[in-house]
C-alpha atoms as a PDB file:
ATOM      1  CA  MET A   1     102.502  13.716 146.051  1.00  0.00           C
ATOM      2  CA  ARG A   2      99.533  11.440 147.083  1.00  0.00           C
ATOM      3  CA  LEU A   3      95.932  12.652 146.697  1.00  0.00           C
ATOM      4  CA  GLY A   4      93.545  10.068 147.717  1.00  0.00           C
ATOM      5  CA  ASP A   5      94.520   6.884 146.087  1.00  0.00           C
ATOM      6  CA  HIS A   6      96.265   8.172 143.256  1.00  0.00           C
ATOM      7  CA  LEU A   7      99.870   9.050 143.118  1.00  0.00           C
ATOM      8  CA  ILE A   8     100.530  12.397 141.216  1.00  0.00           C
ATOM      9  CA  ASP A   9     103.907  13.086 139.705  1.00  0.00           C
ATOM     10  CA  PHE A  10     105.036  16.670 138.894  1.00  0.00           C
ATOM     11  CA  GLU A  11     108.026  18.810 138.221  1.00  0.00           C
ATOM     12  CA  VAL A  12     108.658  22.054 140.139  1.00  0.00           C
ATOM     13  CA  LYS A  13     110.991  24.580 138.968  1.00  0.00           C
ATOM     14  CA  ILE A  14     113.388  25.828 141.715  1.00  0.00           C
ATOM     15  CA  LEU A  15     114.747  29.386 141.476  1.00  0.00           C
ATOM     16  CA  ASP A  16     118.187  29.544 140.534  1.00  0.00           C
ATOM     17  CA  GLU A  17     121.022  32.155 141.320  1.00  0.00           C
ATOM     18  CA  ASP A  18     120.093  34.251 138.066  1.00  0.00           C
ATOM     19  CA  ASP A  19     116.370  34.266 139.421  1.00  0.00           C
ATOM     20  CA  LEU A  20     117.547  35.470 142.679  1.00  0.00           C
ATOM     21  CA  VAL A  21     119.626  38.408 141.051  1.00  0.00           C
ATOM     22  CA  PHE A  22     116.385  39.255 139.182  1.00  0.00           C
ATOM     23  CA  VAL A  23     114.486  39.098 142.682  1.00  0.00           C
ATOM     24  CA  SER A  24     116.973  41.358 144.139  1.00  0.00           C
ATOM     25  CA  ASP A  25     116.632  43.793 141.310  1.00  0.00           C
ATOM     26  CA  LEU A  26     112.797  43.888 141.876  1.00  0.00           C
ATOM     27  CA  ARG A  27     113.318  44.331 145.604  1.00  0.00           C
ATOM     28  CA  ASN A  28     115.623  47.352 144.856  1.00  0.00           C
ATOM     29  CA  LEU A  29     112.397  48.690 143.130  1.00  0.00           C
ATOM     30  CA  GLY A  30     110.518  48.662 146.044  1.00  0.00           C
ATOM     31  CA  ILE A  31     108.569  45.253 145.475  1.00  0.00           C
ATOM     32  CA  GLN A  32     108.017  43.019 148.552  1.00  0.00           C
ATOM     33  CA  ARG A  33     110.200  40.159 148.956  1.00  0.00           C
ATOM     34  CA  ASN A  34     107.056  37.583 148.913  1.00  0.00           C
ATOM     35  CA  VAL A  35     105.775  39.318 145.819  1.00  0.00           C
ATOM     36  CA  ALA A  36     109.267  39.595 143.907  1.00  0.00           C
ATOM     37  CA  LEU A  37     109.793  35.680 144.387  1.00  0.00           C
ATOM     38  CA  THR A  38     106.229  34.541 143.462  1.00  0.00           C
ATOM     39  CA  LEU A  39     106.484  37.003 140.188  1.00  0.00           C
ATOM     40  CA  VAL A  40     109.647  35.616 139.222  1.00  0.00           C
ATOM     41  CA  TYR A  41     108.559  32.120 139.790  1.00  0.00           C
ATOM     42  CA  LEU A  42     105.455  32.649 137.785  1.00  0.00           C
ATOM     43  CA  SER A  43     107.213  34.453 134.880  1.00  0.00           C
ATOM     44  CA  HIS A  44     109.137  30.918 134.499  1.00  0.00           C
ATOM     45  CA  VAL A  45     106.229  28.520 134.301  1.00  0.00           C
ATOM     46  CA  GLU A  46     102.885  28.397 132.517  1.00  0.00           C
ATOM     47  CA  GLU A  47     100.943  28.194 135.684  1.00  0.00           C
ATOM     48  CA  ALA A  48     101.549  26.760 139.151  1.00  0.00           C
ATOM     49  CA  SER A  49      99.632  26.036 142.306  1.00  0.00           C
ATOM     50  CA  SER A  50     100.566  27.553 145.674  1.00  0.00           C
ATOM     51  CA  ARG A  51     102.376  24.406 146.864  1.00  0.00           C
ATOM     52  CA  GLU A  52     104.640  24.392 143.666  1.00  0.00           C
ATOM     53  CA  ILE A  53     105.211  28.102 144.218  1.00  0.00           C
ATOM     54  CA  GLU A  54     106.024  27.351 147.787  1.00  0.00           C
ATOM     55  CA  ILE A  55     108.403  24.543 147.033  1.00  0.00           C
ATOM     56  CA  GLY A  56     110.158  26.491 144.174  1.00  0.00           C
ATOM     57  CA  THR A  57     110.376  29.889 146.403  1.00  0.00           C
ATOM     58  CA  GLY A  58     111.009  28.565 149.725  1.00  0.00           C
ATOM     59  CA  LEU A  59     108.104  30.837 150.677  1.00  0.00           C
ATOM     60  CA  ARG A  60     105.442  29.896 153.310  1.00  0.00           C
ATOM     61  CA  GLN A  61     101.975  29.489 152.385  1.00  0.00           C
ATOM     62  CA  PRO A  62     100.789  32.669 154.135  1.00  0.00           C
ATOM     63  CA  GLU A  63     103.651  34.624 152.372  1.00  0.00           C
ATOM     64  CA  ILE A  64     102.326  33.196 148.944  1.00  0.00           C
ATOM     65  CA  SER A  65      98.724  33.911 149.851  1.00  0.00           C
ATOM     66  CA  LEU A  66      99.532  37.631 150.613  1.00  0.00           C
ATOM     67  CA  ALA A  67     101.752  38.060 147.502  1.00  0.00           C
ATOM     68  CA  ILE A  68      98.765  36.382 145.237  1.00  0.00           C
ATOM     69  CA  CYS A  69      96.378  38.801 146.642  1.00  0.00           C
ATOM     70  CA  PHE A  70      98.323  41.806 146.025  1.00  0.00           C
ATOM     71  CA  MET A  71      99.202  40.577 142.258  1.00  0.00           C
ATOM     72  CA  SER A  72      95.408  39.698 142.151  1.00  0.00           C
ATOM     73  CA  ASP A  73      94.308  43.052 143.159  1.00  0.00           C
ATOM     74  CA  ASN A  74      96.503  44.486 140.502  1.00  0.00           C
ATOM     75  CA  ASN A  75      95.295  42.319 137.888  1.00  0.00           C
ATOM     76  CA  TRP A  76      98.862  40.931 137.308  1.00  0.00           C
ATOM     77  CA  ILE A  77      97.692  37.079 137.507  1.00  0.00           C
ATOM     78  CA  GLU A  78      94.745  35.181 137.006  1.00  0.00           C
ATOM     79  CA  SER A  79      93.584  31.741 138.492  1.00  0.00           C
ATOM     80  CA  ARG A  80      91.341  28.866 137.558  1.00  0.00           C
ATOM     81  CA  MET A  81      90.484  25.752 139.180  1.00  0.00           C
ATOM     82  CA  ILE A  82      91.438  22.256 137.733  1.00  0.00           C
ATOM     83  CA  LYS A  83      90.164  18.981 138.771  1.00  0.00           C
ATOM     84  CA  VAL A  84      93.136  16.638 140.047  1.00  0.00           C
ATOM     85  CA  ASN A  85      91.092  13.811 141.217  1.00  0.00           C
ATOM     86  CA  LYS A  86      87.368  12.870 140.625  1.00  0.00           C
ATOM     87  CA  LYS A  87      86.846  13.244 144.174  1.00  0.00           C
ATOM     88  CA  GLY A  88      87.847  15.893 146.604  1.00  0.00           C
ATOM     89  CA  ARG A  89      88.874  19.728 145.983  1.00  0.00           C
ATOM     90  CA  PRO A  90      89.799  21.014 142.881  1.00  0.00           C
ATOM     91  CA  LEU A  91      93.331  22.667 142.707  1.00  0.00           C
ATOM     92  CA  LYS A  92      93.622  26.609 142.079  1.00  0.00           C
ATOM     93  CA  VAL A  93      96.406  27.479 139.655  1.00  0.00           C
ATOM     94  CA  TYR A  94      97.861  30.681 139.130  1.00  0.00           C
ATOM     95  CA  SER A  95      99.374  32.359 135.659  1.00  0.00           C
ATOM     96  CA  ILE A  96     100.871  35.640 135.048  1.00  0.00           C
ATOM     97  CA  CYS A  97      98.410  37.788 132.628  1.00  0.00           C
ATOM     98  CA  THR A  98     100.266  41.087 132.421  1.00  0.00           C
ATOM     99  CA  THR A  99     103.576  42.077 131.094  1.00  0.00           C
ATOM    100  CA  MET A 100     106.577  42.863 133.221  1.00  0.00           C
ATOM    101  CA  ASP A 101     106.749  46.356 131.532  1.00  0.00           C
ATOM    102  CA  THR A 102     103.242  46.793 133.045  1.00  0.00           C
ATOM    103  CA  ILE A 103     104.648  45.782 136.547  1.00  0.00           C
ATOM    104  CA  TYR A 104     107.543  47.992 136.151  1.00  0.00           C
ATOM    105  CA  SER A 105     105.330  51.018 135.123  1.00  0.00           C
ATOM    106  CA  PHE A 106     103.139  50.376 138.212  1.00  0.00           C
ATOM    107  CA  TYR A 107     106.236  50.808 140.513  1.00  0.00           C
ATOM    108  CA  GLU A 108     107.782  53.678 138.435  1.00  0.00           C
ATOM    109  CA  LYS A 109     104.525  55.538 139.010  1.00  0.00           C
ATOM    110  CA  LYS A 110     104.603  54.649 142.756  1.00  0.00           C
ATOM    111  CA  ALA A 111     108.164  55.674 143.078  1.00  0.00           C
ATOM    112  CA  ASN A 112     107.372  59.139 141.435  1.00  0.00           C
ATOM    113  CA  LEU A 113     104.349  59.554 143.820  1.00  0.00           C
ATOM    114  CA  ASP A 114     106.557  58.948 146.664  1.00  0.00           C
ATOM    115  CA  TYR A 115     109.092  61.582 145.454  1.00  0.00           C
ATOM    116  CA  GLU A 116     106.641  64.030 144.892  1.00  0.00           C
ATOM    117  CA  GLU A 117     105.017  63.659 148.507  1.00  0.00           C
ATOM    118  CA  SER A 118     108.711  63.748 149.817  1.00  0.00           C
ATOM    119  CA  VAL A 119     109.152  67.179 148.103  1.00  0.00           C
ATOM    120  CA  ILE A 120     105.894  68.482 149.250  1.00  0.00           C
ATOM    121  CA  LYS A 121     106.691  67.576 153.003  1.00  0.00           C
ATOM    122  CA  ILE A 122     110.073  68.967 152.660  1.00  0.00           C
ATOM    123  CA  LYS A 123     108.642  72.257 151.235  1.00  0.00           C
ATOM    124  CA  GLN A 124     106.090  72.386 154.109  1.00  0.00           C
ATOM    125  CA  LEU A 125     108.955  71.847 156.698  1.00  0.00           C
ATOM    126  CA  LYS A 126     110.976  74.913 155.140  1.00  0.00           C
ATOM    127  CA  ASP A 127     107.678  76.992 155.310  1.00  0.00           C
ATOM    128  CA  LEU A 128     107.187  76.128 158.803  1.00  0.00           C
ATOM    129  CA  ILE A 129     110.810  77.186 159.724  1.00  0.00           C
ATOM    130  CA  HIS A 130     110.684  80.524 157.963  1.00  0.00           C
ATOM    131  CA  LYS A 131     107.311  81.272 159.310  1.00  0.00           C
ATOM    132  CA  SER A 132     108.357  80.515 163.131  1.00  0.00           C
ATOM    133  CA  GLY A 133     111.319  83.269 162.293  1.00  0.00           C
ATOM    134  CA  LYS A 134     113.841  80.873 163.508  1.00  0.00           C
ATOM    135  CA  LYS A 135     117.544  81.197 162.192  1.00  0.00           C
ATOM    136  CA  GLU A 136     119.348  78.399 160.945  1.00  0.00           C
ATOM    137  CA  VAL A 137     122.565  77.599 162.943  1.00  0.00           C
ATOM    138  CA  LYS A 138     125.859  77.812 161.062  1.00  0.00           C
ATOM    139  CA  LYS A 139     128.769  75.613 161.707  1.00  0.00           C
ATOM    140  CA  LYS A 140     131.825  77.244 162.358  1.00  0.00           C
END
């Protein structure tokens, strides 16, 4: 990567097959694809810039920004600015600041709330049917 007149050399972790299985498992919990990929990537590195996340996950910059926003809103990641060059704009790097158990707990609570809402809606529908006096159609 060339910044100004300086050449900067850096390594980027690329998600492997095991990582993609982990992403798939997270997706099954209801985690958005971009959040799952970014989360798995950040769990393997100490910190990373959005460009490194982009290269390592195959996500586009807007997808990473949305994932970073979501994770930041939930206090799962923290960011800091680092000076890459004496001139120019500092680089923002991200790191996970919570445990995976905290994240699992977040989705467990969300799933329980979704389930409870569904049960309430079904009960409301049953009550409406009973109040209207309509009989259920039985199959012969």
